[in-house]
Amino acid sequence: MLRFQKRENDPKGFWTKLQHGLNDFKGQLPSGVMSLTANDDFGNTSAILLAVDSETKTYKELEKYIEKFEDNVRKIPSTSRVKHFGLQKEEINVYIDDSKLTNYGIKPIMILAALKPQGSV
């Protein structure tokens, strides 16, 4: 939480400078940090902040649960804003065992060539 001194001549400029500083600082944080923001919307407060995680559900399944939860929370008359952030995108990782590929006469570049047209990175 920040408090401006009365001598601060340019509060908007300060917020802009702070946001740029946070963006630079984010590069020093662990890769799991999804969001680092300066919130200058003073009407935007969190009464409840929830995190959703699962050992068995996919990111897409969790997103559906979150959307259903949000729909139900919006029905509460005293709720003014419901927002989610930090959703993970689904990904598929392929790990190659070079010794097994050698037994089949397959080179890693052949697998890359087969996956590339399907949008792999």
PDB file of N, CA and C in Angstrom:
ATOM      1  N   MET A   1       0.847  -1.167   0.000  1.00  0.00           N
ATOM      2  CA  MET A   1       0.000   0.000   0.000  1.00  0.00           C
ATOM      3  C   MET A   1       0.892   1.228   0.000  1.00  0.00           C
ATOM      4  N   LEU A   2       0.551   2.178  -0.832  1.00  0.00           N
ATOM      5  CA  LEU A   2       1.333   3.400  -0.947  1.00  0.00           C
ATOM      6  C   LEU A   2       0.521   4.586  -0.473  1.00  0.00           C
ATOM      7  N   ARG A   3       1.211   5.530   0.110  1.00  0.00           N
ATOM      8  CA  ARG A   3       0.581   6.797   0.478  1.00  0.00           C
ATOM      9  C   ARG A   3       1.433   7.907  -0.092  1.00  0.00           C
ATOM     10  N   PHE A   4       0.792   8.814  -0.807  1.00  0.00           N
ATOM     11  CA  PHE A   4       1.510   9.950  -1.376  1.00  0.00           C
ATOM     12  C   PHE A   4       1.689  11.033  -0.331  1.00  0.00           C
ATOM     13  N   GLN A   5       2.833  11.663  -0.393  1.00  0.00           N
ATOM     14  CA  GLN A   5       3.042  12.855   0.409  1.00  0.00           C
ATOM     15  C   GLN A   5       2.340  14.009  -0.312  1.00  0.00           C
ATOM     16  N   LYS A   6       1.981  15.022   0.401  1.00  0.00           N
ATOM     17  CA  LYS A   6       1.311  16.165  -0.218  1.00  0.00           C
ATOM     18  C   LYS A   6       2.169  16.812  -1.294  1.00  0.00           C
ATOM     19  N   ARG A   7       3.468  16.637  -1.221  1.00  0.00           N
ATOM     20  CA  ARG A   7       4.353  17.283  -2.189  1.00  0.00           C
ATOM     21  C   ARG A   7       4.435  16.541  -3.524  1.00  0.00           C
ATOM     22  N   GLU A   8       3.794  15.387  -3.651  1.00  0.00           N
ATOM     23  CA  GLU A   8       3.815  14.651  -4.926  1.00  0.00           C
ATOM     24  C   GLU A   8       3.027  15.457  -5.955  1.00  0.00           C
ATOM     25  N   ASN A   9       3.742  15.976  -6.954  1.00  0.00           N
ATOM     26  CA  ASN A   9       3.122  16.854  -7.952  1.00  0.00           C
ATOM     27  C   ASN A   9       2.429  16.101  -9.073  1.00  0.00           C
ATOM     28  N   ASP A  10       2.890  14.888  -9.365  1.00  0.00           N
ATOM     29  CA  ASP A  10       2.368  14.155 -10.514  1.00  0.00           C
ATOM     30  C   ASP A  10       2.035  12.710 -10.120  1.00  0.00           C
ATOM     31  N   PRO A  11       0.903  12.501  -9.415  1.00  0.00           N
ATOM     32  CA  PRO A  11       0.564  11.127  -9.002  1.00  0.00           C
ATOM     33  C   PRO A  11       0.414  10.168 -10.184  1.00  0.00           C
ATOM     34  N   LYS A  12      -0.159  10.619 -11.299  1.00  0.00           N
ATOM     35  CA  LYS A  12      -0.327   9.721 -12.461  1.00  0.00           C
ATOM     36  C   LYS A  12       1.034   9.302 -13.013  1.00  0.00           C
ATOM     37  N   GLY A  13       1.955  10.240 -13.072  1.00  0.00           N
ATOM     38  CA  GLY A  13       3.308   9.919 -13.520  1.00  0.00           C
ATOM     39  C   GLY A  13       3.984   8.933 -12.588  1.00  0.00           C
ATOM     40  N   PHE A  14       3.729   9.104 -11.294  1.00  0.00           N
ATOM     41  CA  PHE A  14       4.292   8.177 -10.311  1.00  0.00           C
ATOM     42  C   PHE A  14       3.787   6.764 -10.565  1.00  0.00           C
ATOM     43  N   TRP A  15       2.473   6.606 -10.807  1.00  0.00           N
ATOM     44  CA  TRP A  15       1.907   5.275 -11.045  1.00  0.00           C
ATOM     45  C   TRP A  15       2.507   4.651 -12.301  1.00  0.00           C
ATOM     46  N   THR A  16       2.698   5.463 -13.335  1.00  0.00           N
ATOM     47  CA  THR A  16       3.301   4.953 -14.567  1.00  0.00           C
ATOM     48  C   THR A  16       4.722   4.480 -14.311  1.00  0.00           C
ATOM     49  N   LYS A  17       5.494   5.285 -13.589  1.00  0.00           N
ATOM     50  CA  LYS A  17       6.869   4.913 -13.257  1.00  0.00           C
ATOM     51  C   LYS A  17       6.906   3.649 -12.389  1.00  0.00           C
ATOM     52  N   LEU A  18       5.978   3.554 -11.446  1.00  0.00           N
ATOM     53  CA  LEU A  18       5.898   2.369 -10.586  1.00  0.00           C
ATOM     54  C   LEU A  18       5.591   1.123 -11.411  1.00  0.00           C
ATOM     55  N   GLN A  19       4.638   1.217 -12.337  1.00  0.00           N
ATOM     56  CA  GLN A  19       4.272   0.065 -13.172  1.00  0.00           C
ATOM     57  C   GLN A  19       5.461  -0.394 -14.009  1.00  0.00           C
ATOM     58  N   HIS A  20       6.208   0.563 -14.581  1.00  0.00           N
ATOM     59  CA  HIS A  20       7.404   0.188 -15.354  1.00  0.00           C
ATOM     60  C   HIS A  20       8.436  -0.494 -14.456  1.00  0.00           C
ATOM     61  N   GLY A  21       8.604   0.024 -13.254  1.00  0.00           N
ATOM     62  CA  GLY A  21       9.535  -0.598 -12.309  1.00  0.00           C
ATOM     63  C   GLY A  21       9.119  -2.012 -11.944  1.00  0.00           C
ATOM     64  N   LEU A  22       7.823  -2.226 -11.755  1.00  0.00           N
ATOM     65  CA  LEU A  22       7.334  -3.577 -11.452  1.00  0.00           C
ATOM     66  C   LEU A  22       7.565  -4.515 -12.626  1.00  0.00           C
ATOM     67  N   ASN A  23       7.350  -4.019 -13.845  1.00  0.00           N
ATOM     68  CA  ASN A  23       7.592  -4.850 -15.031  1.00  0.00           C
ATOM     69  C   ASN A  23       9.055  -5.273 -15.110  1.00  0.00           C
ATOM     70  N   ASP A  24       9.970  -4.343 -14.807  1.00  0.00           N
ATOM     71  CA  ASP A  24      11.397  -4.680 -14.788  1.00  0.00           C
ATOM     72  C   ASP A  24      11.707  -5.685 -13.678  1.00  0.00           C
ATOM     73  N   PHE A  25      11.108  -5.479 -12.513  1.00  0.00           N
ATOM     74  CA  PHE A  25      11.341  -6.345 -11.358  1.00  0.00           C
ATOM     75  C   PHE A  25      10.803  -7.753 -11.591  1.00  0.00           C
ATOM     76  N   LYS A  26       9.709  -7.883 -12.346  1.00  0.00           N
ATOM     77  CA  LYS A  26       9.102  -9.197 -12.573  1.00  0.00           C
ATOM     78  C   LYS A  26      10.106 -10.171 -13.190  1.00  0.00           C
ATOM     79  N   GLY A  27      11.025  -9.660 -14.010  1.00  0.00           N
ATOM     80  CA  GLY A  27      12.036 -10.512 -14.618  1.00  0.00           C
ATOM     81  C   GLY A  27      12.958 -11.163 -13.598  1.00  0.00           C
ATOM     82  N   GLN A  28      13.020 -10.633 -12.400  1.00  0.00           N
ATOM     83  CA  GLN A  28      13.886 -11.178 -11.352  1.00  0.00           C
ATOM     84  C   GLN A  28      13.156 -12.207 -10.476  1.00  0.00           C
ATOM     85  N   LEU A  29      11.846 -12.318 -10.654  1.00  0.00           N
ATOM     86  CA  LEU A  29      11.048 -13.215  -9.823  1.00  0.00           C
ATOM     87  C   LEU A  29      11.035 -14.626 -10.406  1.00  0.00           C
ATOM     88  N   PRO A  30      10.689 -15.642  -9.616  1.00  0.00           N
ATOM     89  CA  PRO A  30      10.605 -17.019 -10.123  1.00  0.00           C
ATOM     90  C   PRO A  30       9.593 -17.128 -11.258  1.00  0.00           C
ATOM     91  N   SER A  31       9.803 -18.083 -12.144  1.00  0.00           N
ATOM     92  CA  SER A  31       8.961 -18.233 -13.336  1.00  0.00           C
ATOM     93  C   SER A  31       7.493 -18.510 -12.996  1.00  0.00           C
ATOM     94  N   GLY A  32       7.188 -18.997 -11.815  1.00  0.00           N
ATOM     95  CA  GLY A  32       5.804 -19.292 -11.441  1.00  0.00           C
ATOM     96  C   GLY A  32       4.975 -18.061 -11.112  1.00  0.00           C
ATOM     97  N   VAL A  33       5.599 -16.897 -10.967  1.00  0.00           N
ATOM     98  CA  VAL A  33       4.851 -15.675 -10.660  1.00  0.00           C
ATOM     99  C   VAL A  33       4.118 -15.236 -11.919  1.00  0.00           C
ATOM    100  N   MET A  34       2.790 -15.226 -11.854  1.00  0.00           N
ATOM    101  CA  MET A  34       1.988 -14.942 -13.037  1.00  0.00           C
ATOM    102  C   MET A  34       1.644 -13.467 -13.200  1.00  0.00           C
ATOM    103  N   SER A  35       1.528 -12.747 -12.107  1.00  0.00           N
ATOM    104  CA  SER A  35       1.056 -11.374 -12.214  1.00  0.00           C
ATOM    105  C   SER A  35       1.724 -10.513 -11.151  1.00  0.00           C
ATOM    106  N   LEU A  36       2.096  -9.324 -11.558  1.00  0.00           N
ATOM    107  CA  LEU A  36       2.639  -8.330 -10.651  1.00  0.00           C
ATOM    108  C   LEU A  36       2.144  -6.989 -11.172  1.00  0.00           C
ATOM    109  N   THR A  37       1.191  -6.390 -10.469  1.00  0.00           N
ATOM    110  CA  THR A  37       0.559  -5.181 -10.986  1.00  0.00           C
ATOM    111  C   THR A  37       0.475  -4.100  -9.927  1.00  0.00           C
ATOM    112  N   ALA A  38       0.401  -2.876 -10.416  1.00  0.00           N
ATOM    113  CA  ALA A  38       0.128  -1.732  -9.551  1.00  0.00           C
ATOM    114  C   ALA A  38      -1.334  -1.385  -9.772  1.00  0.00           C
ATOM    115  N   ASN A  39      -2.143  -1.534  -8.753  1.00  0.00           N
ATOM    116  CA  ASN A  39      -3.572  -1.294  -8.866  1.00  0.00           C
ATOM    117  C   ASN A  39      -3.885   0.108  -8.372  1.00  0.00           C
ATOM    118  N   ASP A  40      -4.217   0.978  -9.311  1.00  0.00           N
ATOM    119  CA  ASP A  40      -4.549   2.347  -8.930  1.00  0.00           C
ATOM    120  C   ASP A  40      -6.055   2.605  -9.000  1.00  0.00           C
ATOM    121  N   ASP A  41      -6.831   1.537  -9.137  1.00  0.00           N
ATOM    122  CA  ASP A  41      -8.298   1.624  -9.113  1.00  0.00           C
ATOM    123  C   ASP A  41      -8.716   1.395  -7.663  1.00  0.00           C
ATOM    124  N   PHE A  42      -8.911   2.487  -6.929  1.00  0.00           N
ATOM    125  CA  PHE A  42      -9.140   2.363  -5.492  1.00  0.00           C
ATOM    126  C   PHE A  42     -10.494   1.777  -5.139  1.00  0.00           C
ATOM    127  N   GLY A  43     -11.387   1.691  -6.119  1.00  0.00           N
ATOM    128  CA  GLY A  43     -12.657   1.021  -5.880  1.00  0.00           C
ATOM    129  C   GLY A  43     -12.544  -0.472  -6.106  1.00  0.00           C
ATOM    130  N   ASN A  44     -11.398  -0.915  -6.578  1.00  0.00           N
ATOM    131  CA  ASN A  44     -11.172  -2.312  -6.919  1.00  0.00           C
ATOM    132  C   ASN A  44     -10.448  -2.994  -5.757  1.00  0.00           C
ATOM    133  N   THR A  45     -11.211  -3.473  -4.798  1.00  0.00           N
ATOM    134  CA  THR A  45     -10.625  -4.158  -3.650  1.00  0.00           C
ATOM    135  C   THR A  45     -11.073  -5.607  -3.632  1.00  0.00           C
ATOM    136  N   SER A  46     -10.277  -6.447  -3.028  1.00  0.00           N
ATOM    137  CA  SER A  46     -10.613  -7.861  -2.934  1.00  0.00           C
ATOM    138  C   SER A  46     -11.080  -8.184  -1.529  1.00  0.00           C
ATOM    139  N   ALA A  47     -12.279  -8.676  -1.433  1.00  0.00           N
ATOM    140  CA  ALA A  47     -12.754  -9.164  -0.149  1.00  0.00           C
ATOM    141  C   ALA A  47     -12.373 -10.630  -0.005  1.00  0.00           C
ATOM    142  N   ILE A  48     -12.366 -11.341  -1.132  1.00  0.00           N
ATOM    143  CA  ILE A  48     -11.998 -12.754  -1.127  1.00  0.00           C
ATOM    144  C   ILE A  48     -11.107 -13.010  -2.340  1.00  0.00           C
ATOM    145  N   LEU A  49      -9.999 -13.665  -2.109  1.00  0.00           N
ATOM    146  CA  LEU A  49      -9.101 -14.060  -3.178  1.00  0.00           C
ATOM    147  C   LEU A  49      -8.907 -15.565  -3.063  1.00  0.00           C
ATOM    148  N   LEU A  50      -9.247 -16.289  -4.125  1.00  0.00           N
ATOM    149  CA  LEU A  50      -9.172 -17.745  -4.106  1.00  0.00           C
ATOM    150  C   LEU A  50      -8.166 -18.247  -5.129  1.00  0.00           C
ATOM    151  N   ALA A  51      -7.528 -19.350  -4.827  1.00  0.00           N
ATOM    152  CA  ALA A  51      -6.643 -20.035  -5.773  1.00  0.00           C
ATOM    153  C   ALA A  51      -7.226 -21.418  -6.031  1.00  0.00           C
ATOM    154  N   VAL A  52      -7.155 -21.856  -7.278  1.00  0.00           N
ATOM    155  CA  VAL A  52      -7.707 -23.153  -7.660  1.00  0.00           C
ATOM    156  C   VAL A  52      -6.574 -24.015  -8.208  1.00  0.00           C
ATOM    157  N   ASP A  53      -6.484 -25.244  -7.687  1.00  0.00           N
ATOM    158  CA  ASP A  53      -5.418 -26.157  -8.081  1.00  0.00           C
ATOM    159  C   ASP A  53      -5.965 -27.574  -8.025  1.00  0.00           C
ATOM    160  N   SER A  54      -5.435 -28.460  -8.841  1.00  0.00           N
ATOM    161  CA  SER A  54      -5.893 -29.844  -8.811  1.00  0.00           C
ATOM    162  C   SER A  54      -4.782 -30.768  -9.278  1.00  0.00           C
ATOM    163  N   GLU A  55      -4.718 -31.919  -8.656  1.00  0.00           N
ATOM    164  CA  GLU A  55      -3.774 -32.961  -9.070  1.00  0.00           C
ATOM    165  C   GLU A  55      -4.358 -33.801 -10.211  1.00  0.00           C
ATOM    166  N   THR A  56      -5.689 -33.782 -10.360  1.00  0.00           N
ATOM    167  CA  THR A  56      -6.326 -34.692 -11.316  1.00  0.00           C
ATOM    168  C   THR A  56      -7.063 -33.997 -12.460  1.00  0.00           C
ATOM    169  N   LYS A  57      -7.411 -32.730 -12.330  1.00  0.00           N
ATOM    170  CA  LYS A  57      -8.183 -32.019 -13.363  1.00  0.00           C
ATOM    171  C   LYS A  57      -7.252 -31.276 -14.317  1.00  0.00           C
ATOM    172  N   THR A  58      -7.683 -31.173 -15.574  1.00  0.00           N
ATOM    173  CA  THR A  58      -6.916 -30.407 -16.556  1.00  0.00           C
ATOM    174  C   THR A  58      -7.193 -28.920 -16.357  1.00  0.00           C
ATOM    175  N   TYR A  59      -6.353 -28.100 -16.960  1.00  0.00           N
ATOM    176  CA  TYR A  59      -6.566 -26.652 -16.874  1.00  0.00           C
ATOM    177  C   TYR A  59      -7.928 -26.267 -17.452  1.00  0.00           C
ATOM    178  N   LYS A  60      -8.325 -26.923 -18.530  1.00  0.00           N
ATOM    179  CA  LYS A  60      -9.616 -26.630 -19.159  1.00  0.00           C
ATOM    180  C   LYS A  60     -10.761 -26.989 -18.207  1.00  0.00           C
ATOM    181  N   GLU A  61     -10.664 -28.125 -17.528  1.00  0.00           N
ATOM    182  CA  GLU A  61     -11.699 -28.513 -16.565  1.00  0.00           C
ATOM    183  C   GLU A  61     -11.759 -27.524 -15.405  1.00  0.00           C
ATOM    184  N   LEU A  62     -10.606 -27.105 -14.913  1.00  0.00           N
ATOM    185  CA  LEU A  62     -10.576 -26.127 -13.824  1.00  0.00           C
ATOM    186  C   LEU A  62     -11.198 -24.801 -14.266  1.00  0.00           C
ATOM    187  N   GLU A  63     -10.928 -24.404 -15.498  1.00  0.00           N
ATOM    188  CA  GLU A  63     -11.504 -23.156 -16.006  1.00  0.00           C
ATOM    189  C   GLU A  63     -13.030 -23.223 -16.023  1.00  0.00           C
ATOM    190  N   LYS A  64     -13.589 -24.367 -16.383  1.00  0.00           N
ATOM    191  CA  LYS A  64     -15.052 -24.532 -16.380  1.00  0.00           C
ATOM    192  C   LYS A  64     -15.609 -24.428 -14.962  1.00  0.00           C
ATOM    193  N   TYR A  65     -14.914 -25.025 -13.986  1.00  0.00           N
ATOM    194  CA  TYR A  65     -15.339 -24.906 -12.587  1.00  0.00           C
ATOM    195  C   TYR A  65     -15.298 -23.443 -12.134  1.00  0.00           C
ATOM    196  N   ILE A  66     -14.247 -22.736 -12.516  1.00  0.00           N
ATOM    197  CA  ILE A  66     -14.109 -21.328 -12.132  1.00  0.00           C
ATOM    198  C   ILE A  66     -15.245 -20.504 -12.725  1.00  0.00           C
ATOM    199  N   GLU A  67     -15.558 -20.732 -13.999  1.00  0.00           N
ATOM    200  CA  GLU A  67     -16.637 -19.981 -14.648  1.00  0.00           C
ATOM    201  C   GLU A  67     -17.983 -20.249 -13.972  1.00  0.00           C
ATOM    202  N   LYS A  68     -18.238 -21.498 -13.620  1.00  0.00           N
ATOM    203  CA  LYS A  68     -19.484 -21.844 -12.931  1.00  0.00           C
ATOM    204  C   LYS A  68     -19.534 -21.164 -11.561  1.00  0.00           C
ATOM    205  N   PHE A  69     -18.407 -21.181 -10.847  1.00  0.00           N
ATOM    206  CA  PHE A  69     -18.329 -20.524  -9.546  1.00  0.00           C
ATOM    207  C   PHE A  69     -18.597 -19.023  -9.688  1.00  0.00           C
ATOM    208  N   GLU A  70     -17.973 -18.402 -10.682  1.00  0.00           N
ATOM    209  CA  GLU A  70     -18.181 -16.961 -10.916  1.00  0.00           C
ATOM    210  C   GLU A  70     -19.648 -16.648 -11.199  1.00  0.00           C
ATOM    211  N   ASP A  71     -20.288 -17.471 -12.014  1.00  0.00           N
ATOM    212  CA  ASP A  71     -21.709 -17.261 -12.316  1.00  0.00           C
ATOM    213  C   ASP A  71     -22.553 -17.288 -11.046  1.00  0.00           C
ATOM    214  N   ASN A  72     -22.245 -18.220 -10.157  1.00  0.00           N
ATOM    215  CA  ASN A  72     -23.001 -18.317  -8.905  1.00  0.00           C
ATOM    216  C   ASN A  72     -22.708 -17.142  -7.974  1.00  0.00           C
ATOM    217  N   VAL A  73     -21.467 -16.701  -7.918  1.00  0.00           N
ATOM    218  CA  VAL A  73     -21.107 -15.576  -7.054  1.00  0.00           C
ATOM    219  C   VAL A  73     -21.769 -14.296  -7.544  1.00  0.00           C
ATOM    220  N   ARG A  74     -21.880 -14.113  -8.847  1.00  0.00           N
ATOM    221  CA  ARG A  74     -22.517 -12.906  -9.407  1.00  0.00           C
ATOM    222  C   ARG A  74     -23.987 -12.790  -9.001  1.00  0.00           C
ATOM    223  N   LYS A  75     -24.600 -13.894  -8.622  1.00  0.00           N
ATOM    224  CA  LYS A  75     -26.003 -13.864  -8.196  1.00  0.00           C
ATOM    225  C   LYS A  75     -26.172 -13.261  -6.810  1.00  0.00           C
ATOM    226  N   ILE A  76     -25.087 -13.124  -6.078  1.00  0.00           N
ATOM    227  CA  ILE A  76     -25.136 -12.532  -4.734  1.00  0.00           C
ATOM    228  C   ILE A  76     -25.269 -11.019  -4.897  1.00  0.00           C
ATOM    229  N   PRO A  77     -26.327 -10.412  -4.365  1.00  0.00           N
ATOM    230  CA  PRO A  77     -26.572  -8.983  -4.598  1.00  0.00           C
ATOM    231  C   PRO A  77     -25.425  -8.048  -4.178  1.00  0.00           C
ATOM    232  N   SER A  78     -24.713  -8.372  -3.143  1.00  0.00           N
ATOM    233  CA  SER A  78     -23.660  -7.473  -2.665  1.00  0.00           C
ATOM    234  C   SER A  78     -22.340  -7.623  -3.435  1.00  0.00           C
ATOM    235  N   THR A  79     -22.317  -8.492  -4.443  1.00  0.00           N
ATOM    236  CA  THR A  79     -21.106  -8.684  -5.240  1.00  0.00           C
ATOM    237  C   THR A  79     -21.071  -7.646  -6.346  1.00  0.00           C
ATOM    238  N   SER A  80     -19.992  -6.861  -6.387  1.00  0.00           N
ATOM    239  CA  SER A  80     -19.903  -5.827  -7.407  1.00  0.00           C
ATOM    240  C   SER A  80     -19.038  -6.245  -8.590  1.00  0.00           C
ATOM    241  N   ARG A  81     -18.008  -7.026  -8.344  1.00  0.00           N
ATOM    242  CA  ARG A  81     -17.115  -7.407  -9.431  1.00  0.00           C
ATOM    243  C   ARG A  81     -16.517  -8.776  -9.138  1.00  0.00           C
ATOM    244  N   VAL A  82     -16.515  -9.616 -10.155  1.00  0.00           N
ATOM    245  CA  VAL A  82     -15.898 -10.935 -10.043  1.00  0.00           C
ATOM    246  C   VAL A  82     -14.920 -11.045 -11.207  1.00  0.00           C
ATOM    247  N   LYS A  83     -13.705 -11.419 -10.898  1.00  0.00           N
ATOM    248  CA  LYS A  83     -12.676 -11.441 -11.931  1.00  0.00           C
ATOM    249  C   LYS A  83     -11.727 -12.598 -11.669  1.00  0.00           C
ATOM    250  N   HIS A  84     -11.278 -13.212 -12.738  1.00  0.00           N
ATOM    251  CA  HIS A  84     -10.246 -14.240 -12.574  1.00  0.00           C
ATOM    252  C   HIS A  84      -9.021 -13.859 -13.405  1.00  0.00           C
ATOM    253  N   PHE A  85      -7.867 -14.327 -12.979  1.00  0.00           N
ATOM    254  CA  PHE A  85      -6.643 -14.087 -13.727  1.00  0.00           C
ATOM    255  C   PHE A  85      -5.661 -15.206 -13.445  1.00  0.00           C
ATOM    256  N   GLY A  86      -4.671 -15.309 -14.290  1.00  0.00           N
ATOM    257  CA  GLY A  86      -3.624 -16.310 -14.095  1.00  0.00           C
ATOM    258  C   GLY A  86      -3.970 -17.682 -14.630  1.00  0.00           C
ATOM    259  N   LEU A  87      -4.964 -17.775 -15.538  1.00  0.00           N
ATOM    260  CA  LEU A  87      -5.296 -19.091 -16.086  1.00  0.00           C
ATOM    261  C   LEU A  87      -4.109 -19.658 -16.856  1.00  0.00           C
ATOM    262  N   GLN A  88      -3.877 -20.938 -16.675  1.00  0.00           N
ATOM    263  CA  GLN A  88      -2.792 -21.608 -17.370  1.00  0.00           C
ATOM    264  C   GLN A  88      -3.294 -22.145 -18.702  1.00  0.00           C
ATOM    265  N   LYS A  89      -2.456 -22.086 -19.696  1.00  0.00           N
ATOM    266  CA  LYS A  89      -2.808 -22.677 -20.989  1.00  0.00           C
ATOM    267  C   LYS A  89      -2.367 -24.136 -20.986  1.00  0.00           C
ATOM    268  N   GLU A  90      -3.182 -24.950 -21.629  1.00  0.00           N
ATOM    269  CA  GLU A  90      -2.834 -26.361 -21.707  1.00  0.00           C
ATOM    270  C   GLU A  90      -1.616 -26.537 -22.603  1.00  0.00           C
ATOM    271  N   GLU A  91      -0.808 -27.523 -22.279  1.00  0.00           N
ATOM    272  CA  GLU A  91       0.354 -27.826 -23.101  1.00  0.00           C
ATOM    273  C   GLU A  91       0.632 -29.316 -23.043  1.00  0.00           C
ATOM    274  N   ILE A  92       1.260 -29.782 -24.077  1.00  0.00           N
ATOM    275  CA  ILE A  92       1.674 -31.184 -24.144  1.00  0.00           C
ATOM    276  C   ILE A  92       3.186 -31.189 -24.304  1.00  0.00           C
ATOM    277  N   ASN A  93       3.862 -31.916 -23.450  1.00  0.00           N
ATOM    278  CA  ASN A  93       5.315 -32.042 -23.525  1.00  0.00           C
ATOM    279  C   ASN A  93       5.664 -33.430 -24.043  1.00  0.00           C
ATOM    280  N   VAL A  94       6.619 -33.477 -24.962  1.00  0.00           N
ATOM    281  CA  VAL A  94       7.086 -34.740 -25.514  1.00  0.00           C
ATOM    282  C   VAL A  94       8.532 -34.923 -25.085  1.00  0.00           C
ATOM    283  N   TYR A  95       8.789 -36.009 -24.393  1.00  0.00           N
ATOM    284  CA  TYR A  95      10.142 -36.336 -23.955  1.00  0.00           C
ATOM    285  C   TYR A  95      10.645 -37.506 -24.790  1.00  0.00           C
ATOM    286  N   ILE A  96      11.848 -37.361 -25.292  1.00  0.00           N
ATOM    287  CA  ILE A  96      12.404 -38.350 -26.214  1.00  0.00           C
ATOM    288  C   ILE A  96      13.507 -39.142 -25.515  1.00  0.00           C
ATOM    289  N   ASP A  97      13.429 -40.474 -25.667  1.00  0.00           N
ATOM    290  CA  ASP A  97      14.478 -41.362 -25.167  1.00  0.00           C
ATOM    291  C   ASP A  97      15.348 -41.738 -26.368  1.00  0.00           C
ATOM    292  N   ASP A  98      16.530 -41.126 -26.443  1.00  0.00           N
ATOM    293  CA  ASP A  98      17.404 -41.323 -27.604  1.00  0.00           C
ATOM    294  C   ASP A  98      17.746 -42.788 -27.854  1.00  0.00           C
ATOM    295  N   SER A  99      17.927 -43.558 -26.787  1.00  0.00           N
ATOM    296  CA  SER A  99      18.300 -44.968 -26.980  1.00  0.00           C
ATOM    297  C   SER A  99      17.164 -45.754 -27.644  1.00  0.00           C
ATOM    298  N   LYS A 100      15.929 -45.456 -27.283  1.00  0.00           N
ATOM    299  CA  LYS A 100      14.804 -46.150 -27.920  1.00  0.00           C
ATOM    300  C   LYS A 100      14.644 -45.721 -29.374  1.00  0.00           C
ATOM    301  N   LEU A 101      14.853 -44.430 -29.639  1.00  0.00           N
ATOM    302  CA  LEU A 101      14.764 -43.959 -31.024  1.00  0.00           C
ATOM    303  C   LEU A 101      15.811 -44.648 -31.905  1.00  0.00           C
ATOM    304  N   THR A 102      17.005 -44.801 -31.372  1.00  0.00           N
ATOM    305  CA  THR A 102      18.081 -45.434 -32.125  1.00  0.00           C
ATOM    306  C   THR A 102      17.704 -46.864 -32.503  1.00  0.00           C
ATOM    307  N   ASN A 103      17.049 -47.575 -31.591  1.00  0.00           N
ATOM    308  CA  ASN A 103      16.623 -48.953 -31.883  1.00  0.00           C
ATOM    309  C   ASN A 103      15.659 -49.013 -33.057  1.00  0.00           C
ATOM    310  N   TYR A 104      14.847 -47.978 -33.234  1.00  0.00           N
ATOM    311  CA  TYR A 104      13.860 -47.950 -34.319  1.00  0.00           C
ATOM    312  C   TYR A 104      14.386 -47.213 -35.555  1.00  0.00           C
ATOM    313  N   GLY A 105      15.595 -46.701 -35.483  1.00  0.00           N
ATOM    314  CA  GLY A 105      16.169 -45.994 -36.624  1.00  0.00           C
ATOM    315  C   GLY A 105      15.533 -44.624 -36.847  1.00  0.00           C
ATOM    316  N   ILE A 106      15.040 -44.018 -35.777  1.00  0.00           N
ATOM    317  CA  ILE A 106      14.388 -42.708 -35.872  1.00  0.00           C
ATOM    318  C   ILE A 106      15.332 -41.658 -35.299  1.00  0.00           C
ATOM    319  N   LYS A 107      15.445 -40.537 -36.011  1.00  0.00           N
ATOM    320  CA  LYS A 107      16.269 -39.435 -35.534  1.00  0.00           C
ATOM    321  C   LYS A 107      15.360 -38.361 -34.932  1.00  0.00           C
ATOM    322  N   PRO A 108      15.823 -37.664 -33.888  1.00  0.00           N
ATOM    323  CA  PRO A 108      14.997 -36.627 -33.249  1.00  0.00           C
ATOM    324  C   PRO A 108      14.450 -35.591 -34.236  1.00  0.00           C
ATOM    325  N   ILE A 109      15.227 -35.263 -35.252  1.00  0.00           N
ATOM    326  CA  ILE A 109      14.773 -34.277 -36.244  1.00  0.00           C
ATOM    327  C   ILE A 109      13.539 -34.778 -37.004  1.00  0.00           C
ATOM    328  N   MET A 110      13.395 -36.087 -37.128  1.00  0.00           N
ATOM    329  CA  MET A 110      12.220 -36.652 -37.803  1.00  0.00           C
ATOM    330  C   MET A 110      10.963 -36.423 -36.962  1.00  0.00           C
ATOM    331  N   ILE A 111      11.081 -36.527 -35.649  1.00  0.00           N
ATOM    332  CA  ILE A 111       9.940 -36.275 -34.759  1.00  0.00           C
ATOM    333  C   ILE A 111       9.568 -34.802 -34.819  1.00  0.00           C
ATOM    334  N   LEU A 112      10.582 -33.934 -34.795  1.00  0.00           N
ATOM    335  CA  LEU A 112      10.328 -32.502 -34.892  1.00  0.00           C
ATOM    336  C   LEU A 112       9.610 -32.169 -36.199  1.00  0.00           C
ATOM    337  N   ALA A 113      10.060 -32.773 -37.290  1.00  0.00           N
ATOM    338  CA  ALA A 113       9.442 -32.533 -38.597  1.00  0.00           C
ATOM    339  C   ALA A 113       7.984 -32.992 -38.616  1.00  0.00           C
ATOM    340  N   ALA A 114       7.685 -34.081 -37.910  1.00  0.00           N
ATOM    341  CA  ALA A 114       6.302 -34.589 -37.868  1.00  0.00           C
ATOM    342  C   ALA A 114       5.396 -33.712 -36.999  1.00  0.00           C
ATOM    343  N   LEU A 115       5.951 -33.155 -35.914  1.00  0.00           N
ATOM    344  CA  LEU A 115       5.143 -32.344 -34.997  1.00  0.00           C
ATOM    345  C   LEU A 115       5.000 -30.884 -35.447  1.00  0.00           C
ATOM    346  N   LYS A 116       5.975 -30.385 -36.189  1.00  0.00           N
ATOM    347  CA  LYS A 116       5.992 -28.970 -36.564  1.00  0.00           C
ATOM    348  C   LYS A 116       4.702 -28.516 -37.260  1.00  0.00           C
ATOM    349  N   PRO A 117       4.165 -29.255 -38.239  1.00  0.00           N
ATOM    350  CA  PRO A 117       2.937 -28.801 -38.913  1.00  0.00           C
ATOM    351  C   PRO A 117       1.714 -28.753 -37.981  1.00  0.00           C
ATOM    352  N   GLN A 118       1.801 -29.410 -36.837  1.00  0.00           N
ATOM    353  CA  GLN A 118       0.670 -29.433 -35.897  1.00  0.00           C
ATOM    354  C   GLN A 118       0.721 -28.302 -34.905  1.00  0.00           C
ATOM    355  N   GLY A 119       1.643 -27.375 -35.092  1.00  0.00           N
ATOM    356  CA  GLY A 119       1.681 -26.194 -34.233  1.00  0.00           C
ATOM    357  C   GLY A 119       2.571 -26.331 -33.022  1.00  0.00           C
ATOM    358  N   SER A 120       3.491 -27.277 -33.059  1.00  0.00           N
ATOM    359  CA  SER A 120       4.353 -27.447 -31.891  1.00  0.00           C
ATOM    360  C   SER A 120       5.429 -26.375 -31.862  1.00  0.00           C
ATOM    361  N   VAL A 121       5.963 -26.159 -30.693  1.00  0.00           N
ATOM    362  CA  VAL A 121       7.065 -25.208 -30.533  1.00  0.00           C
ATOM    363  C   VAL A 121       8.308 -26.002 -30.161  1.00  0.00           C
TER     364      VAL A 121
END
